[in-house]
Structure formats: structure tokens, C-alpha cells
Amino acid sequence: MNTYTLYIGGLTRELPIIPISDSLSIASFVILGDTELVTQTAQDMAAKLPEVDLLVTAEAKGIPFVYELSKQLRMKRYVVARKSVKAYMGETISHKVNSITTQKEQELILEKSDAELIRGKRIAVVDDVISTGESLLALEQLVAKAGGEVVARAAILAEGDAAKRDDIIFLGELPLFQHQSK
């Protein structure tokens, strides 16, 4: 299996290169279960973020990062936009998104109580990786629907052209791997 060596926050990880289409592969960055990486990158991101009132992420890979980041910033709460309506949810607001890694339309959902936490607050929308920016944009639009003001867009890694953006805060870069279809 081909891999990409990632160096971030003084740590090294070998990421498997995974095809996502006939002509494109990505280095699969999964922070789930990697306590050392989550802790280090959250410390590094906490030093780079402007002052915010609340962190918002999308289910699921961003959750451990935002949890640790909220601890670093001494926040009592963070908000997770869910990808489906759960039985325990009451009233919700939602926004649709297409992501490079899921390759299908998804819906991001906030329960009313989370939307109320967002209203009138300075928000950092946070993800593990920003690639096309579609997931981040959908989070921003969901925050706007809830009445929050996005003052920071952040991710551990910026993938491909996202690394050229000047409106996001990130800790490292990931290349995209173009190849000829067979």
C-alpha cells in the first residue's frame, strides 16, 4: 500500500493513500483514536485561533479535535452538527452539503438548543481536514441560520488547493494525488 508521510506538531504519521475516484486519491487522515495527535494539534490550534465564544464542528471526525480544543480554550461547551435527525431531537435546523470524502449529498442538522447556544456568538467552525471547503461552507451557512457570526475557519490540515486559501487557519498541508484512469 502506498503511503504519505505526514509531519505535524512534532509527530509523524504514515497515511494510506486511498483512491476516491478514477483520477484522484487522497492521503487518509483519521484522527479517531489517536489521542497523541488530537492533543498536540489542539494545543497548536488553540495558539492560532482568534478569540471566539464557541466551536462548531460536523459529525464525526472533527469531534475529538473540537473536544480537546474546547478544553485548551477553557470552554464549557462546543456544538456538533449531526448528519441525521435523532429520535431524541426536538425542533431542528439543517443545511445540505456535498463533501469530497462522502461523495454524496449530506445534511447537517442542529437541534434547537444548540442553535440557541450559537445565536449572537462569535463562532469558529472547525474540521479535521479542509479540501474543497464545501463541508466548512455548509457549517458556516448553518451557523448563520442559527444567528451566529463565523469569525474563524479552522482545520488541522488543508488539502490540495485549500492550502492556498488565506481565510482559513490550519496546521499543515496534505497533497492530492492525481493519476491516470486505467
Protein backbone atom coordinates (compact mmCIF):
# COMPACT_ATOMS: atom_id res chain seq x y z
CA MET A 1 0.00 0.00 0.00
CA ASN A 2 1.26 3.46 -0.88
CA THR A 3 1.52 5.89 1.99
CA TYR A 4 2.18 9.58 2.57
CA THR A 5 4.37 10.65 5.49
CA LEU A 6 2.75 13.47 7.45
CA TYR A 7 4.80 15.58 9.84
CA ILE A 8 2.68 17.74 12.14
CA GLY A 9 3.19 19.19 15.60
CA GLY A 10 6.43 17.28 16.06
CA LEU A 11 4.64 14.00 15.27
CA THR A 12 4.95 11.67 12.27
CA ARG A 13 2.12 9.60 10.80
CA GLU A 14 2.04 7.29 7.77
CA LEU A 15 -1.24 7.89 5.96
CA PRO A 16 -2.54 5.34 3.46
CA ILE A 17 -3.22 6.76 0.00
CA ILE A 18 -6.80 5.90 -0.93
CA PRO A 19 -8.45 6.32 -4.35
CA ILE A 20 -11.69 8.31 -4.20
CA SER A 21 -12.28 8.43 -7.98
CA ASP A 22 -10.73 7.13 -11.20
CA SER A 23 -8.32 10.05 -11.29
CA LEU A 24 -7.90 11.18 -7.67
CA SER A 25 -6.52 9.72 -4.46
CA ILE A 26 -6.16 11.24 -1.00
CA ALA A 27 -3.95 10.58 2.00
CA SER A 28 -6.44 9.22 4.51
CA PHE A 29 -6.13 11.29 7.69
CA VAL A 30 -8.17 9.77 10.52
CA ILE A 31 -7.73 11.25 13.98
CA LEU A 32 -10.26 8.97 15.65
CA GLY A 33 -8.43 7.07 18.39
CA ASP A 34 -5.15 9.00 18.04
CA THR A 35 -5.03 10.73 21.44
CA GLU A 36 -1.46 11.96 20.99
CA LEU A 37 -2.21 13.64 17.66
CA VAL A 38 -5.51 15.14 18.84
CA THR A 39 -3.91 16.57 21.98
CA GLN A 40 -0.90 18.06 20.18
CA THR A 41 -2.83 19.58 17.30
CA ALA A 42 -5.46 21.04 19.66
CA GLN A 43 -2.69 22.75 21.65
CA ASP A 44 -1.20 24.11 18.43
CA MET A 45 -4.57 25.32 17.11
CA ALA A 46 -5.51 26.97 20.42
CA ALA A 47 -2.47 29.22 20.00
CA LYS A 48 -3.57 30.28 16.49
CA LEU A 49 -7.30 30.91 16.88
CA PRO A 50 -8.67 34.41 17.47
CA GLU A 51 -10.97 34.94 20.43
CA VAL A 52 -14.21 33.01 19.91
CA ASP A 53 -17.21 32.17 22.09
CA LEU A 54 -17.98 28.71 20.74
CA LEU A 55 -16.60 25.97 18.49
CA VAL A 56 -18.81 24.20 15.94
CA THR A 57 -17.89 21.06 14.02
CA ALA A 58 -19.64 18.42 11.94
CA GLU A 59 -20.10 14.82 12.96
CA ALA A 60 -17.83 12.74 13.23
CA LYS A 61 -14.05 13.02 12.72
CA GLY A 62 -13.88 16.61 13.97
CA ILE A 63 -15.44 15.72 17.33
CA PRO A 64 -12.34 14.56 19.26
CA PHE A 65 -10.36 17.53 17.94
CA VAL A 66 -13.03 20.07 18.93
CA TYR A 67 -13.46 18.38 22.31
CA GLU A 68 -9.77 18.75 23.08
CA LEU A 69 -9.60 22.23 21.54
CA SER A 70 -12.50 23.37 23.73
CA LYS A 71 -10.58 22.10 26.77
CA GLN A 72 -7.47 24.01 25.67
CA LEU A 73 -9.57 27.17 25.30
CA ARG A 74 -11.30 26.55 28.67
CA MET A 75 -14.73 26.41 27.07
CA LYS A 76 -17.58 24.66 28.83
CA ARG A 77 -19.39 23.69 25.61
CA TYR A 78 -18.96 23.04 21.90
CA VAL A 79 -21.56 22.20 19.25
CA VAL A 80 -21.69 19.25 16.86
CA ALA A 81 -23.80 19.46 13.71
CA ARG A 82 -25.30 16.00 13.28
CA LYS A 83 -25.67 14.18 9.96
CA SER A 84 -29.11 12.77 10.69
CA VAL A 85 -32.07 13.61 12.86
CA LYS A 86 -32.05 11.55 16.06
CA ALA A 87 -35.17 10.38 17.90
CA TYR A 88 -34.33 12.49 20.96
CA MET A 89 -34.13 15.72 18.95
CA GLY A 90 -36.94 18.21 19.03
CA GLU A 91 -37.06 21.11 16.60
CA THR A 92 -34.06 21.32 14.25
CA ILE A 93 -32.49 23.48 11.57
CA SER A 94 -30.49 21.97 8.72
CA HIS A 95 -28.35 22.61 5.67
CA LYS A 96 -27.33 20.30 2.79
CA VAL A 97 -23.70 19.67 1.73
CA ASN A 98 -21.62 17.60 -0.71
CA SER A 99 -18.21 16.51 0.56
CA ILE A 100 -15.18 15.11 -1.32
CA THR A 101 -14.85 12.19 1.11
CA THR A 102 -18.51 11.13 1.29
CA GLN A 103 -19.22 11.70 -2.42
CA LYS A 104 -22.95 12.14 -1.83
CA GLU A 105 -25.29 14.79 -0.51
CA GLN A 106 -25.48 15.01 3.26
CA GLU A 107 -27.47 17.11 5.65
CA LEU A 108 -26.04 18.94 8.65
CA ILE A 109 -28.51 19.33 11.49
CA LEU A 110 -28.61 21.38 14.67
CA GLU A 111 -31.06 20.80 17.45
CA LYS A 112 -32.84 23.98 18.57
CA SER A 113 -30.98 24.07 21.91
CA ASP A 114 -27.62 24.07 20.06
CA ALA A 115 -28.86 26.74 17.68
CA GLU A 116 -29.75 28.85 20.72
CA LEU A 117 -26.19 28.45 22.03
CA ILE A 118 -24.88 29.77 18.70
CA ARG A 119 -27.20 32.79 18.38
CA GLY A 120 -25.30 36.06 18.80
CA LYS A 121 -21.94 34.34 19.40
CA ARG A 122 -18.54 34.57 17.70
CA ILE A 123 -18.03 31.12 16.22
CA ALA A 124 -15.06 29.12 14.97
CA VAL A 125 -16.14 26.42 12.52
CA VAL A 126 -13.65 23.58 12.81
CA ASP A 127 -12.96 20.40 10.84
CA ASP A 128 -10.19 17.83 10.69
CA VAL A 129 -9.38 18.46 7.00
CA ILE A 130 -10.48 21.19 4.60
CA SER A 131 -10.32 20.13 0.95
CA THR A 132 -12.94 21.63 -1.34
CA GLY A 133 -14.31 23.69 1.53
CA GLU A 134 -17.88 22.50 0.91
CA SER A 135 -18.32 20.99 4.38
CA LEU A 136 -16.91 24.10 6.02
CA LEU A 137 -19.16 26.36 3.94
CA ALA A 138 -22.19 24.28 4.90
CA LEU A 139 -21.23 24.63 8.58
CA GLU A 140 -20.89 28.39 8.10
CA GLN A 141 -24.32 28.59 6.49
CA LEU A 142 -25.84 26.50 9.28
CA VAL A 143 -24.25 28.81 11.88
CA ALA A 144 -25.67 31.82 10.01
CA LYS A 145 -29.15 30.21 10.05
CA ALA A 146 -28.75 29.84 13.82
CA GLY A 147 -27.78 33.51 14.19
CA GLY A 148 -24.07 33.11 14.91
CA GLU A 149 -21.16 35.02 13.39
CA VAL A 150 -18.31 32.94 11.97
CA VAL A 151 -15.07 34.70 12.90
CA ALA A 152 -12.70 31.79 12.22
CA ARG A 153 -12.50 28.79 9.92
CA ALA A 154 -10.02 26.18 11.08
CA ALA A 155 -8.78 22.66 10.41
CA ILE A 156 -5.83 20.52 11.32
CA LEU A 157 -4.96 20.10 7.64
CA ALA A 158 -5.64 21.90 4.37
CA GLU A 159 -5.74 19.53 1.41
CA GLY A 160 -4.83 20.43 -2.17
CA ASP A 161 -5.79 23.97 -3.20
CA ALA A 162 -7.29 24.68 0.23
CA ALA A 163 -3.72 25.27 1.44
CA LYS A 164 -3.64 28.38 -0.79
CA ARG A 165 -6.62 29.96 0.94
CA ASP A 166 -5.98 32.92 3.21
CA ASP A 167 -9.32 32.73 5.04
CA ILE A 168 -8.64 29.52 6.95
CA ILE A 169 -6.38 28.62 9.84
CA PHE A 170 -4.61 25.27 9.51
CA LEU A 171 -1.60 23.50 10.92
CA GLY A 172 -0.34 21.53 7.92
CA GLU A 173 -0.88 20.63 4.28
CA LEU A 174 -1.94 17.44 2.53
CA PRO A 175 -1.39 16.92 -1.19
CA LEU A 176 -3.96 15.45 -3.54
CA PHE A 177 -2.75 12.63 -5.76
CA GLN A 178 -3.83 12.85 -9.42
CA HIS A 179 -3.47 9.74 -11.54
CA GLN A 180 -4.46 8.46 -14.95
CA SER A 181 -7.55 6.28 -15.09
CA LYS A 182 -6.91 2.77 -16.38
